[in-house]
Each structure stands twice: as structure tokens, then as C-alpha cells.
């Protein structure tokens, strides 16, 4: 009897636990220019850094949890 129910119960069990609770994700609007605080470390983020002459150079770095991120409107 249980073997006959497994094909029906297994998908239900998998779907209810799917995504680690992401089925009920809410979206929060953050206005442009508002800084946000990183909740977890972002590994190997692609960043622009300036060299000694002030020229931008592509690089990678870890952005630690707790740092703030915000857009830059005008480039120097």
C-alpha cells in the first residue's frame, strides 16, 4: 500500500520543502541612492578600483557582511 502512495506523496513532500522558504519571498523597494547593508559576504565581487594615476582598473574582492553598498551617480 505504501509503495503505491510513494509516487503521490514524494512530489508533495519535495514541493513543500522546496527553496528553503523562498516560496513566500517579499520584495522591498529601495529608492535610488539609498545605501543598503550587506547581510552576508559577497565573494569575488567584480569591482572597479583606481590605480595611482586615478585610472579605473577591473578587479575582484570579497565584500564583507555589514558593509554598505550604494550607487555612484557621477564618475570623477
C-alpha atoms as a PDB file:
ATOM      1  CA  UNK A   1       0.000   0.000   0.000  1.00  0.00           C
ATOM      2  CA  UNK A   2       2.774   2.449   0.913  1.00  0.00           C
ATOM      3  CA  UNK A   3       4.622   1.657  -2.311  1.00  0.00           C
ATOM      4  CA  UNK A   4       1.540   2.723  -4.247  1.00  0.00           C
ATOM      5  CA  UNK A   5       1.356   6.029  -2.336  1.00  0.00           C
ATOM      6  CA  UNK A   6       5.040   6.994  -2.713  1.00  0.00           C
ATOM      7  CA  UNK A   7       4.673   8.363  -6.275  1.00  0.00           C
ATOM      8  CA  UNK A   8       1.953  10.701  -4.974  1.00  0.00           C
ATOM      9  CA  UNK A   9       3.469  11.636  -1.606  1.00  0.00           C
ATOM     10  CA  UNK A  10       7.045  12.214  -2.751  1.00  0.00           C
ATOM     11  CA  UNK A  11       6.278  15.199  -5.024  1.00  0.00           C
ATOM     12  CA  UNK A  12       4.164  16.786  -2.291  1.00  0.00           C
ATOM     13  CA  UNK A  13       6.976  16.435   0.251  1.00  0.00           C
ATOM     14  CA  UNK A  14       9.546  17.822  -2.181  1.00  0.00           C
ATOM     15  CA  UNK A  15       7.419  20.796  -3.202  1.00  0.00           C
ATOM     16  CA  UNK A  16       6.572  21.846   0.343  1.00  0.00           C
ATOM     17  CA  UNK A  17      10.248  21.972   1.309  1.00  0.00           C
ATOM     18  CA  UNK A  18      11.484  23.400  -1.982  1.00  0.00           C
ATOM     19  CA  UNK A  19      13.576  26.564  -1.934  1.00  0.00           C
ATOM     20  CA  UNK A  20      14.140  26.864   1.792  1.00  0.00           C
ATOM     21  CA  UNK A  21      11.154  29.109   2.329  1.00  0.00           C
ATOM     22  CA  UNK A  22      11.574  31.155  -0.836  1.00  0.00           C
ATOM     23  CA  UNK A  23       8.034  30.451  -1.961  1.00  0.00           C
ATOM     24  CA  UNK A  24       6.881  33.423   0.118  1.00  0.00           C
ATOM     25  CA  UNK A  25       9.566  35.977  -0.738  1.00  0.00           C
ATOM     26  CA  UNK A  26       8.681  39.607  -0.322  1.00  0.00           C
ATOM     27  CA  UNK A  27      10.180  42.410  -2.339  1.00  0.00           C
ATOM     28  CA  UNK A  28      11.235  45.640  -0.689  1.00  0.00           C
ATOM     29  CA  UNK A  29      11.597  48.777  -2.787  1.00  0.00           C
ATOM     30  CA  UNK A  30      14.797  50.694  -2.112  1.00  0.00           C
ATOM     31  CA  UNK A  31      14.769  54.220  -3.549  1.00  0.00           C
ATOM     32  CA  UNK A  32      17.658  55.130  -5.878  1.00  0.00           C
ATOM     33  CA  UNK A  33      20.653  56.437  -3.963  1.00  0.00           C
ATOM     34  CA  UNK A  34      19.690  54.791  -0.680  1.00  0.00           C
ATOM     35  CA  UNK A  35      22.528  52.713   0.806  1.00  0.00           C
ATOM     36  CA  UNK A  36      21.873  49.081   1.699  1.00  0.00           C
ATOM     37  CA  UNK A  37      23.793  46.993   4.247  1.00  0.00           C
ATOM     38  CA  UNK A  38      25.090  43.608   3.071  1.00  0.00           C
ATOM     39  CA  UNK A  39      23.579  40.763   5.046  1.00  0.00           C
ATOM     40  CA  UNK A  40      26.213  38.237   4.033  1.00  0.00           C
ATOM     41  CA  UNK A  41      29.682  38.370   2.488  1.00  0.00           C
ATOM     42  CA  UNK A  42      29.706  38.587  -1.307  1.00  0.00           C
ATOM     43  CA  UNK A  43      32.667  36.534  -2.529  1.00  0.00           C
ATOM     44  CA  UNK A  44      34.646  37.549  -5.638  1.00  0.00           C
ATOM     45  CA  UNK A  45      32.547  40.618  -6.409  1.00  0.00           C
ATOM     46  CA  UNK A  46      33.673  42.340  -9.605  1.00  0.00           C
ATOM     47  CA  UNK A  47      34.770  45.851  -8.647  1.00  0.00           C
ATOM     48  CA  UNK A  48      36.445  48.902 -10.170  1.00  0.00           C
ATOM     49  CA  UNK A  49      39.429  50.319  -8.282  1.00  0.00           C
ATOM     50  CA  UNK A  50      41.655  53.274  -9.191  1.00  0.00           C
ATOM     51  CA  UNK A  51      45.388  52.970  -9.702  1.00  0.00           C
ATOM     52  CA  UNK A  52      47.982  55.558  -8.615  1.00  0.00           C
ATOM     53  CA  UNK A  53      47.121  57.691 -11.675  1.00  0.00           C
ATOM     54  CA  UNK A  54      43.397  57.602 -10.920  1.00  0.00           C
ATOM     55  CA  UNK A  55      42.549  55.282 -13.817  1.00  0.00           C
ATOM     56  CA  UNK A  56      39.908  52.624 -13.126  1.00  0.00           C
ATOM     57  CA  UNK A  57      41.113  49.019 -13.126  1.00  0.00           C
ATOM     58  CA  UNK A  58      38.877  45.938 -13.068  1.00  0.00           C
ATOM     59  CA  UNK A  59      39.378  43.732 -10.028  1.00  0.00           C
ATOM     60  CA  UNK A  60      37.737  41.234  -7.664  1.00  0.00           C
ATOM     61  CA  UNK A  61      37.310  41.312  -3.914  1.00  0.00           C
ATOM     62  CA  UNK A  62      35.155  39.946  -1.112  1.00  0.00           C
ATOM     63  CA  UNK A  63      32.604  42.451   0.188  1.00  0.00           C
ATOM     64  CA  UNK A  64      32.243  41.663   3.898  1.00  0.00           C
ATOM     65  CA  UNK A  65      28.955  41.311   5.716  1.00  0.00           C
ATOM     66  CA  UNK A  66      27.978  44.585   7.319  1.00  0.00           C
ATOM     67  CA  UNK A  67      29.432  46.841   4.614  1.00  0.00           C
ATOM     68  CA  UNK A  68      27.162  49.361   2.963  1.00  0.00           C
ATOM     69  CA  UNK A  69      26.633  49.495  -0.797  1.00  0.00           C
ATOM     70  CA  UNK A  70      25.249  52.445  -2.729  1.00  0.00           C
ATOM     71  CA  UNK A  71      25.314  53.759  -6.303  1.00  0.00           C
ATOM     72  CA  UNK A  72      27.615  56.499  -7.517  1.00  0.00           C
ATOM     73  CA  UNK A  73      25.756  58.926  -9.750  1.00  0.00           C
ATOM     74  CA  UNK A  74      28.637  60.838 -11.282  1.00  0.00           C
ATOM     75  CA  UNK A  75      32.080  59.485 -12.032  1.00  0.00           C
ATOM     76  CA  UNK A  76      35.055  61.635 -11.058  1.00  0.00           C
END
